[in-house]
Protein backbone atom coordinates (compact mmCIF):
# COMPACT_ATOMS: atom_id res chain seq x y z
CA MET A 1 -49.46 0.44 -44.92
CA MET A 2 -47.90 2.67 -42.27
CA GLY A 3 -48.62 1.47 -38.79
CA GLU A 4 -49.80 3.65 -35.97
CA ARG A 5 -49.12 3.21 -32.28
CA ARG A 6 -52.37 2.88 -30.41
CA MET A 7 -52.65 4.48 -27.00
CA ALA A 8 -54.25 1.96 -24.74
CA GLN A 9 -55.71 2.69 -21.37
CA GLU A 10 -53.08 2.56 -18.63
CA ALA A 11 -53.10 -0.57 -16.59
CA LEU A 12 -53.95 -0.34 -12.94
CA PHE A 13 -51.32 -2.90 -11.89
CA TYR A 14 -47.94 -3.80 -13.40
CA GLU A 15 -45.90 -6.95 -12.99
CA PHE A 16 -42.25 -6.09 -13.51
CA SER A 17 -39.24 -8.21 -12.59
CA LEU A 18 -35.75 -6.75 -12.65
CA ASP A 19 -34.25 -10.21 -12.80
CA ARG A 20 -35.91 -10.90 -16.17
CA HIS A 21 -34.54 -7.68 -17.68
CA VAL A 22 -30.88 -8.35 -16.82
CA PRO A 23 -29.28 -10.43 -19.60
CA ALA A 24 -28.04 -13.86 -18.65
CA ASP A 25 -24.53 -13.08 -19.92
CA HIS A 26 -24.26 -9.70 -18.18
CA LEU A 27 -21.02 -9.22 -16.26
CA LEU A 28 -22.83 -8.31 -13.05
CA ARG A 29 -24.74 -11.61 -13.08
CA ALA A 30 -21.47 -13.53 -13.05
CA ILE A 31 -19.94 -11.23 -10.43
CA ASP A 32 -22.99 -11.47 -8.17
CA ARG A 33 -22.36 -15.19 -7.66
CA PHE A 34 -19.10 -14.42 -5.90
CA VAL A 35 -20.15 -11.39 -3.83
CA ASP A 36 -21.06 -12.25 -0.24
CA LEU A 37 -20.93 -9.19 1.99
CA SER A 38 -22.49 -10.65 5.10
CA CYS A 39 -19.09 -10.86 6.77
CA MET A 40 -18.57 -7.15 6.06
CA ARG A 41 -21.69 -6.30 8.06
CA GLU A 42 -20.35 -8.23 11.04
CA HIS A 43 -16.97 -6.56 10.66
CA LEU A 44 -18.61 -3.10 10.76
CA ARG A 45 -21.08 -3.79 13.55
CA GLY A 46 -18.83 -2.41 16.27
CA PHE A 47 -18.41 0.89 14.40
CA TYR A 48 -22.15 1.71 14.44
CA SER A 49 -24.15 2.97 17.37
CA ALA A 50 -26.77 0.70 18.92
CA ILE A 51 -29.31 3.57 19.11
CA GLY A 52 -30.42 6.35 16.85
CA ARG A 53 -31.72 6.56 13.30
CA PRO A 54 -30.75 3.64 11.00
CA SER A 55 -27.93 4.49 8.61
CA ILE A 56 -27.55 3.77 4.92
CA ASP A 57 -26.96 0.07 4.43
CA PRO A 58 -23.14 -0.41 4.15
CA GLU A 59 -23.70 -3.40 1.86
CA LEU A 60 -25.51 -1.09 -0.60
CA MET A 61 -22.57 1.32 -0.63
CA LEU A 62 -20.08 -1.49 -1.14
CA ARG A 63 -22.08 -2.91 -4.02
CA MET A 64 -22.29 0.51 -5.62
CA LEU A 65 -18.52 0.96 -5.28
CA ILE A 66 -17.96 -2.44 -6.87
CA VAL A 67 -20.12 -1.36 -9.81
CA GLY A 68 -18.18 1.89 -10.12
CA TYR A 69 -14.75 0.26 -10.15
CA CYS A 70 -15.78 -2.65 -12.37
CA PHE A 71 -17.16 -0.34 -15.07
CA GLY A 72 -14.74 2.56 -14.74
CA ILE A 73 -17.20 5.05 -13.23
CA ARG A 74 -14.75 7.29 -11.42
CA SER A 75 -17.11 9.96 -10.08
CA GLU A 76 -19.33 8.99 -7.15
CA ARG A 77 -21.83 11.66 -8.15
CA ARG A 78 -22.10 10.08 -11.60
CA LEU A 79 -22.18 6.61 -10.02
CA CYS A 80 -25.32 7.55 -8.10
CA GLU A 81 -26.92 8.77 -11.32
CA GLU A 82 -25.99 5.59 -13.21
CA VAL A 83 -27.31 3.31 -10.47
CA HIS A 84 -30.52 5.33 -10.41
CA LEU A 85 -31.07 4.82 -14.17
CA ASN A 86 -29.50 1.43 -15.01
CA LEU A 87 -31.66 -1.62 -14.36
CA ALA A 88 -28.70 -4.01 -14.12
CA TYR A 89 -27.02 -1.79 -11.55
CA ARG A 90 -30.24 -1.60 -9.54
CA TRP A 91 -30.57 -5.38 -9.65
CA PHE A 92 -26.98 -5.89 -8.46
CA CYS A 93 -27.41 -3.33 -5.65
CA ARG A 94 -30.70 -4.95 -4.52
CA LEU A 95 -32.58 -1.67 -4.92
CA GLY A 96 -35.58 -2.79 -6.92
CA LEU A 97 -37.53 -0.25 -8.97
CA ASP A 98 -38.50 2.05 -6.14
CA GLY A 99 -35.34 1.89 -3.99
CA ASP A 100 -33.69 5.20 -3.14
CA VAL A 101 -30.10 5.74 -4.20
CA PRO A 102 -27.99 7.35 -1.43
CA ASP A 103 -26.49 10.78 -1.92
CA HIS A 104 -22.91 10.94 -3.15
CA SER A 105 -21.79 12.72 0.03
CA THR A 106 -22.61 9.56 2.00
CA PHE A 107 -19.58 7.82 0.49
CA SER A 108 -17.17 10.56 1.59
CA LYS A 109 -18.60 10.64 5.12
CA ASN A 110 -18.24 6.89 5.60
CA ARG A 111 -14.91 6.60 3.80
CA HIS A 112 -13.17 9.07 6.09
CA GLY A 113 -14.93 7.60 9.11
CA ARG A 114 -15.90 4.04 9.87
CA PHE A 115 -14.77 2.53 6.56
CA ARG A 116 -11.19 3.72 7.02
CA GLU A 117 -11.11 3.03 10.76
CA SER A 118 -12.24 -0.56 10.21
CA ASP A 119 -9.94 -1.09 7.18
CA LEU A 120 -13.05 -2.25 5.32
CA PHE A 121 -11.64 -2.10 1.79
CA ARG A 122 -8.70 -4.32 2.78
CA GLN A 123 -11.24 -6.81 4.17
CA LEU A 124 -13.20 -6.68 0.91
CA PHE A 125 -10.08 -7.33 -1.16
CA GLU A 126 -8.99 -10.26 1.01
CA ALA A 127 -12.48 -11.74 0.73
CA THR A 128 -12.08 -11.82 -3.07
CA VAL A 129 -8.69 -13.53 -2.69
CA ARG A 130 -10.18 -16.20 -0.45
CA ARG A 131 -12.97 -16.78 -2.98
CA CYS A 132 -10.40 -17.15 -5.78
CA ILE A 133 -8.57 -19.74 -3.67
CA GLU A 134 -11.82 -21.63 -3.03
CA GLU A 135 -12.58 -21.66 -6.77
CA GLY A 136 -9.15 -23.15 -7.51
CA LEU A 137 -7.80 -20.14 -9.40
CA VAL A 138 -4.68 -19.79 -7.23
CA GLY A 139 -2.02 -22.42 -7.76
CA GLY A 140 0.47 -21.01 -5.26
CA ASP A 141 3.56 -22.26 -7.13
CA GLY A 142 4.74 -19.08 -8.84
CA PHE A 143 4.16 -15.45 -7.96
CA ALA A 144 5.05 -12.33 -9.93
CA VAL A 145 5.58 -8.86 -8.47
CA ASP A 146 5.69 -5.42 -10.05
CA ALA A 147 4.73 -1.80 -9.43
CA SER A 148 3.14 0.91 -11.55
CA LEU A 149 2.94 4.67 -11.15
CA ILE A 150 -0.48 6.28 -10.66
CA ARG A 151 -0.78 10.05 -10.85
CA ALA A 152 -1.88 11.76 -7.67
CA GLU A 153 -4.62 14.36 -7.40
CA ALA A 154 -2.10 17.21 -7.41
CA ASN A 155 -1.15 19.94 -9.85
CA ARG A 156 2.36 19.30 -11.15
CA GLN A 157 2.99 23.03 -11.57
CA LYS A 158 2.19 23.95 -7.95
CA TYR A 159 4.83 22.81 -5.49
CA VAL A 160 7.17 23.96 -2.73
CA GLU A 161 10.93 23.47 -2.54
CA GLY A 162 11.49 20.47 -0.28
CA PRO A 163 9.59 19.36 2.85
CA GLN A 164 10.77 22.49 4.69
CA GLY A 165 8.59 24.56 2.35
CA LEU A 166 5.43 23.21 3.98
CA GLY A 167 4.31 26.08 6.16
CA ALA A 168 2.34 25.94 9.37
CA GLY A 169 -0.69 27.36 7.59
CA GLN A 170 -0.88 24.44 5.17
CA ALA A 171 -3.20 21.95 6.82
CA GLY A 172 -5.48 19.23 5.63
CA ARG A 173 -6.11 15.52 5.85
CA ALA A 174 -3.43 14.66 3.26
CA VAL A 175 -0.81 16.79 5.03
CA GLU A 176 -1.59 15.13 8.38
CA GLU A 177 -1.25 11.70 6.77
CA TYR A 178 2.09 12.73 5.27
CA PHE A 179 3.54 13.56 8.69
CA ALA A 180 2.10 10.31 10.06
CA VAL A 181 4.00 8.14 7.53
CA LEU A 182 7.38 9.90 7.63
CA ASP A 183 8.92 6.86 9.37
CA ASP A 184 7.09 4.27 7.28
CA ALA A 185 9.50 2.29 5.10
CA ALA A 186 6.97 2.35 2.25
CA PHE A 187 6.58 6.14 2.28
CA GLY A 188 8.69 8.77 4.05
CA GLY A 189 11.24 6.32 5.49
CA ALA A 190 11.86 4.59 2.17
CA THR A 191 14.88 6.75 1.36
CA PRO A 192 16.83 9.43 3.23
CA VAL A 193 16.93 11.56 0.08
CA GLU A 194 14.52 14.46 0.46
CA PRO A 195 12.40 15.30 -2.60
CA LYS A 196 13.17 18.57 -4.33
CA ARG A 197 9.51 19.24 -5.13
CA VAL A 198 6.67 18.67 -2.69
CA SER A 199 3.00 19.13 -3.45
CA PRO A 200 1.32 21.32 -0.81
CA VAL A 201 -1.99 19.43 -1.18
CA ASP A 202 -0.55 15.88 -1.17
CA PRO A 203 3.02 15.88 0.22
CA ALA A 204 3.34 12.07 0.30
CA ALA A 205 3.16 11.88 -3.51
CA ARG A 206 6.59 11.79 -5.17
CA PHE A 207 7.45 13.95 -8.18
CA THR A 208 8.77 11.42 -10.69
CA GLN A 209 8.46 10.08 -14.22
CA ALA A 210 8.49 6.66 -15.85
CA HIS A 211 10.33 5.68 -19.06
CA GLY A 212 10.98 9.21 -20.22
CA GLY A 213 7.39 10.37 -19.85
CA ARG A 214 6.12 13.56 -18.28
CA ALA A 215 6.99 14.03 -14.63
CA ASP A 216 4.03 14.15 -12.21
CA PHE A 217 3.27 13.70 -8.55
CA CYS A 218 2.64 9.95 -8.28
CA TYR A 219 2.01 7.04 -5.99
CA ALA A 220 2.95 3.43 -6.77
CA THR A 221 0.53 0.52 -6.69
CA ASN A 222 2.30 -2.80 -6.05
CA TYR A 223 0.78 -6.10 -7.18
CA LEU A 224 1.69 -9.64 -6.14
CA ILE A 225 -0.12 -12.05 -8.47
CA ASP A 226 -0.38 -15.79 -8.92
CA VAL A 227 0.80 -16.53 -12.45
CA ASP A 228 -1.63 -19.40 -13.09
CA ASN A 229 -4.68 -17.18 -13.68
CA ALA A 230 -3.25 -13.71 -12.95
CA VAL A 231 -5.18 -13.43 -9.67
CA ILE A 232 -4.04 -10.56 -7.45
CA VAL A 233 -3.16 -12.12 -4.10
CA GLU A 234 -1.77 -8.94 -2.52
CA VAL A 235 -1.73 -5.19 -3.17
CA GLU A 236 0.21 -2.44 -1.43
CA ALA A 237 0.43 1.33 -1.85
CA SER A 238 3.82 3.00 -1.60
CA THR A 239 5.67 6.12 -2.59
CA ALA A 240 7.13 6.16 -6.09
CA VAL A 241 10.73 5.14 -5.33
CA ARG A 242 12.40 1.78 -5.94
CA GLN A 243 13.36 1.19 -2.29
CA ALA A 244 9.73 1.54 -1.25
CA GLU A 245 8.62 -0.92 -3.93
CA VAL A 246 11.09 -3.54 -2.64
CA THR A 247 9.77 -3.03 0.89
CA ALA A 248 6.20 -3.38 -0.39
CA ALA A 249 7.13 -6.66 -2.13
CA LYS A 250 8.44 -8.10 1.14
CA ARG A 251 5.31 -7.03 3.00
CA MET A 252 3.03 -8.58 0.40
CA ILE A 253 4.89 -11.92 0.44
CA GLU A 254 4.74 -12.06 4.24
CA ARG A 255 1.06 -11.11 4.33
CA ALA A 256 0.12 -13.70 1.70
CA ALA A 257 1.78 -16.38 3.82
CA ASP A 258 0.27 -15.22 7.12
CA ARG A 259 -3.33 -14.59 5.99
CA HIS A 260 -3.82 -17.08 3.16
CA GLY A 261 -1.13 -19.71 3.74
CA LEU A 262 0.39 -19.07 0.30
CA TRP A 263 4.09 -19.89 0.06
CA PRO A 264 5.34 -19.71 -3.55
CA ARG A 265 8.22 -21.77 -4.90
CA LYS A 266 9.44 -18.97 -7.17
CA LEU A 267 9.08 -15.21 -7.43
CA ILE A 268 9.24 -13.45 -10.80
CA GLY A 269 10.25 -9.82 -11.03
CA ASP A 270 12.28 -7.29 -12.99
CA THR A 271 15.77 -5.98 -12.27
CA GLY A 272 14.44 -3.53 -9.67
CA TYR A 273 13.95 -6.50 -7.31
CA GLY A 274 17.40 -7.95 -8.08
CA SER A 275 19.38 -6.15 -5.40
CA ALA A 276 21.65 -8.24 -3.21
CA GLY A 277 19.59 -7.65 -0.06
CA MET A 278 16.31 -8.62 -1.72
CA LEU A 279 17.76 -11.77 -3.28
CA ALA A 280 19.27 -12.81 0.06
CA TRP A 281 15.93 -12.25 1.78
CA LEU A 282 14.15 -14.45 -0.76
CA VAL A 283 16.71 -17.27 -0.71
CA HIS A 284 17.86 -17.42 2.92
CA GLU A 285 14.83 -16.18 4.87
CA ARG A 286 11.91 -17.31 2.69
CA GLY A 287 13.32 -20.21 0.67
CA ILE A 288 11.93 -18.80 -2.60
CA GLU A 289 13.67 -19.20 -5.95
CA PRO A 290 14.38 -15.72 -7.37
CA HIS A 291 13.51 -15.62 -11.06
CA VAL A 292 14.81 -12.07 -11.08
CA PRO A 293 17.66 -10.52 -13.10
CA VAL A 294 20.59 -9.64 -10.85
CA PHE A 295 21.16 -5.91 -10.39
CA ASP A 296 24.85 -5.70 -11.30
CA LYS A 297 26.99 -2.65 -12.11
CA SER A 298 30.28 -4.49 -12.60
CA ALA A 299 30.25 -4.11 -16.41
CA ARG A 300 33.05 -1.98 -17.87
CA ASN A 301 32.80 0.26 -20.91
CA ASP A 302 36.53 0.97 -21.32
CA GLY A 303 37.47 -2.48 -22.60
CA ALA A 304 39.07 -3.55 -19.30
CA PHE A 305 38.56 -6.91 -17.61
CA GLU A 306 35.20 -7.22 -15.87
CA ARG A 307 34.53 -8.92 -12.57
CA SER A 308 33.34 -12.05 -14.37
CA ASP A 309 36.91 -12.44 -15.72
CA PHE A 310 38.14 -13.00 -12.16
CA THR A 311 37.74 -16.42 -10.49
CA PHE A 312 36.64 -16.56 -6.86
CA ASP A 313 38.32 -19.10 -4.57
CA HIS A 314 35.88 -19.94 -1.78
CA GLU A 315 38.41 -21.81 0.36
CA ASP A 316 41.00 -19.03 0.28
CA ASP A 317 38.46 -16.16 0.18
CA SER A 318 40.24 -14.46 -2.69
CA TYR A 319 39.89 -13.63 -6.37
CA ILE A 320 42.34 -14.89 -9.01
CA CYS A 321 42.99 -12.43 -11.82
CA PRO A 322 43.61 -13.45 -15.46
CA ALA A 323 47.37 -13.27 -14.78
CA GLY A 324 47.12 -15.73 -11.87
CA LYS A 325 47.63 -13.22 -9.04
CA ARG A 326 45.37 -13.13 -5.99
CA LEU A 327 43.19 -10.28 -4.76
CA ARG A 328 42.42 -10.34 -1.03
CA PRO A 329 40.26 -8.25 1.32
CA ARG A 330 43.40 -7.28 3.23
CA ASN A 331 47.01 -7.28 2.14
CA ARG A 332 48.35 -6.18 5.53
CA ASN A 333 47.36 -6.40 9.19
CA PHE A 334 45.91 -3.39 11.01
CA THR A 335 46.39 -2.57 14.68
CA SER A 336 42.69 -1.92 15.19
CA PRO A 337 40.39 -4.37 13.36
CA ARG A 338 38.39 -2.92 10.50
CA PRO A 339 35.11 -4.23 9.06
CA GLU A 340 35.52 -6.06 5.77
CA ALA A 341 32.17 -4.95 4.31
CA ASP A 342 31.14 -1.34 3.81
CA GLN A 343 27.75 0.10 4.74
CA ASP A 344 26.29 -1.12 1.43
CA GLY A 345 27.30 -4.72 2.16
CA PHE A 346 30.19 -5.00 -0.34
CA ILE A 347 33.70 -6.34 0.32
CA ARG A 348 36.58 -4.90 -1.73
CA TYR A 349 39.24 -7.34 -2.86
CA ARG A 350 42.52 -5.58 -3.72
CA ALA A 351 45.58 -6.71 -5.58
CA ARG A 352 49.07 -5.83 -4.41
CA GLN A 353 50.57 -2.82 -6.15
CA GLN A 354 53.83 -4.61 -6.94
CA ASP A 355 51.90 -7.42 -8.66
CA CYS A 356 49.99 -4.99 -10.90
CA SER A 357 52.95 -2.72 -11.72
CA SER A 358 54.99 -5.57 -13.22
CA CYS A 359 52.02 -7.29 -14.95
CA ALA A 360 51.85 -7.33 -18.74
CA LEU A 361 48.02 -7.26 -18.59
CA LYS A 362 47.86 -3.99 -16.59
CA PRO A 363 46.72 -1.88 -19.61
CA ARG A 364 43.67 -4.18 -19.98
CA CYS A 365 43.08 -4.65 -16.26
CA THR A 366 43.62 -1.35 -14.43
CA PRO A 367 44.98 1.28 -16.83
CA THR A 368 44.37 4.28 -14.56
CA LEU A 369 44.79 2.93 -11.00
CA PRO A 370 47.97 1.50 -9.49
CA ALA A 371 46.21 -1.72 -8.40
CA ARG A 372 42.99 -3.51 -9.34
CA LYS A 373 39.99 -3.73 -7.01
CA VAL A 374 37.02 -6.13 -7.27
CA THR A 375 33.86 -5.81 -5.15
CA ARG A 376 31.85 -8.74 -3.86
CA SER A 377 28.56 -8.59 -1.97
CA ILE A 378 28.13 -10.37 1.35
CA HIS A 379 25.01 -11.86 -0.30
CA GLU A 380 26.88 -13.09 -3.36
CA GLY A 381 25.63 -16.65 -2.79
CA ALA A 382 22.05 -15.56 -3.44
CA ARG A 383 23.19 -13.56 -6.46
CA ASP A 384 25.00 -16.62 -7.84
CA LEU A 385 21.84 -18.70 -7.40
CA ALA A 386 19.83 -16.11 -9.35
CA ARG A 387 22.44 -16.14 -12.13
CA ALA A 388 22.33 -19.96 -12.26
CA LEU A 389 18.52 -19.97 -12.46
CA SER A 390 18.68 -17.55 -15.39
CA GLN A 391 20.41 -20.25 -17.44
CA GLU A 392 17.53 -22.74 -17.09
CA GLU A 393 14.63 -23.17 -19.52
CA GLU A 394 12.04 -22.30 -16.86
CA TRP A 395 13.52 -18.80 -16.76
CA ILE A 396 12.24 -18.12 -20.30
CA ALA A 397 8.71 -19.12 -19.27
CA SER A 398 8.98 -16.91 -16.20
CA ARG A 399 9.88 -13.92 -18.40
CA ARG A 400 6.64 -14.44 -20.33
CA GLU A 401 4.57 -14.91 -17.17
CA ARG A 402 5.83 -11.62 -15.73
CA LYS A 403 3.92 -9.79 -18.46
CA LYS A 404 0.67 -10.79 -16.78
CA VAL A 405 1.31 -8.17 -14.10
CA GLU A 406 1.85 -5.51 -16.75
CA MET A 407 -1.40 -6.55 -18.44
CA LEU A 408 -3.24 -6.03 -15.16
CA PHE A 409 -1.78 -2.54 -14.88
CA ALA A 410 -2.82 -1.77 -18.45
CA HIS A 411 -6.36 -2.99 -17.65
CA LEU A 412 -6.34 -0.89 -14.48
CA LYS A 413 -5.48 2.31 -16.33
CA ARG A 414 -7.28 1.88 -19.66
CA ILE A 415 -10.43 -0.10 -18.84
CA MET A 416 -11.01 0.82 -15.20
CA ARG A 417 -9.69 4.36 -15.82
CA LEU A 418 -7.54 4.46 -12.70
CA ASP A 419 -4.70 6.38 -14.31
CA ARG A 420 -5.19 9.22 -11.83
CA LEU A 421 -6.30 9.08 -8.21
CA ARG A 422 -9.34 10.96 -6.93
CA LEU A 423 -8.47 10.72 -3.24
CA ARG A 424 -5.46 12.37 -1.63
CA GLY A 425 -2.99 11.11 0.92
CA PRO A 426 -1.57 7.62 1.58
CA ASN A 427 -4.89 6.40 2.99
CA GLY A 428 -6.75 7.59 -0.09
CA ALA A 429 -4.29 5.76 -2.33
CA ARG A 430 -4.71 2.57 -0.27
CA ASP A 431 -8.50 2.77 -0.49
CA GLU A 432 -8.50 3.17 -4.26
CA PHE A 433 -5.90 0.46 -4.85
CA HIS A 434 -7.75 -2.04 -2.63
CA LEU A 435 -11.08 -1.40 -4.35
CA ALA A 436 -9.53 -1.60 -7.82
CA ALA A 437 -7.74 -4.89 -7.04
CA ALA A 438 -10.94 -6.35 -5.57
CA ALA A 439 -12.85 -5.36 -8.72
CA GLN A 440 -10.19 -6.94 -10.94
CA ASN A 441 -10.37 -10.19 -8.99
CA LEU A 442 -14.17 -10.22 -9.24
CA ARG A 443 -13.98 -9.63 -12.99
CA LYS A 444 -11.49 -12.49 -13.21
CA LEU A 445 -13.86 -14.79 -11.32
CA ALA A 446 -16.74 -13.76 -13.57
CA LYS A 447 -14.74 -14.23 -16.75
CA ILE A 448 -13.55 -17.71 -15.86
CA SER A 449 -16.96 -18.79 -14.58
CA LEU A 450 -18.59 -17.68 -17.85
CA ALA A 451 -15.95 -19.58 -19.81
CA ARG A 452 -16.60 -22.72 -17.77
CA GLN A 453 -20.38 -22.73 -18.27
CA PRO A 454 -20.40 -23.85 -21.96
CA ALA A 455 -17.81 -26.51 -21.17
CA MET A 456 -19.92 -27.84 -18.29
CA ALA A 457 -23.03 -27.76 -20.46
């Protein structure tokens, strides 16, 4: 028999609990255990007036932003709609059934005002790192570093030729931020090479491409992670050039030591971090083992002897060629002393022309030049240490652990949908990268806590 829904008289009173309607295994339940924003209220107290009409609760806005970044809701207008409709989101934001959701314009007003002035999103990210340390998810023995390109909110087909193309009439928050970071080593001061294309709406973004893909205006997000559980211990925004990424790596290592007391034994990275200066900084200034491939351009493609075929004599400060002749930094004395190293930090060891001209191995050693030259970095000791570490078994494990950073970037772009920025300028990139890294750490805490519950039971 077909049933029929009976319309009963409406009840005068309802008993409804949001907590009962949020599933026990919901992601927000696990995340809520690790979200304590009371310190954020104290941090913001000095940026609010003591009189006047009460503002929107900053804790509510932070919780809504956490929901948006955890579930890939990129639009703040849509985020307000989702929080208004979704019971789990209302429960996490402490709104109840009749709580009012703030207007989407409130986020923009606070972001460009007190949130940015107080560096609130950096404080939120560091709070998640401290919680990960308290939960024992950060071992502190091995760190991995890498960078990934994120497209800027700029049309790739609209640009001006070089920074000089920015006219006086082009104004805006992103343009002002661009001029403010011209001397910053992570942005304008990263390289003296001026970009050929500059976006008029976001000049700090660099027109570049990765691995043969389509060129776009991009920023770079830099991650420093602990390899035990892939927890992000530091994040830094930079322009999309390799020199800026190396500078960002140094800043993140220093900040992790100063603010969290984390001093890793080894650092894992790709060849982009294998320059002589970076390796020397790791070994001599920080005492960190570089599990990084050495950036070396000494390989020859003409069949001639490579630099590895020459033996270096530390006591005599000279190279010995395969024929037994010596290559020295100087073969004669100069009236005025000259620096041995060039501006790039390399010393050139030269053979004598009479030794090479009478040598039977000259066609295989220097077929086009009258004498052979070999370059050696002033930081060659750190480079030799990195080469020696690459022969150990731990190096193979480090190569596998480095992929954890790439997995975080894939999660950032595919799951959290941060493959393109919404905010413009260096400050906008920092805000988005800090919030995304904080959300990834909270998801990591929730995932591991859910995995531990059955084991504890």
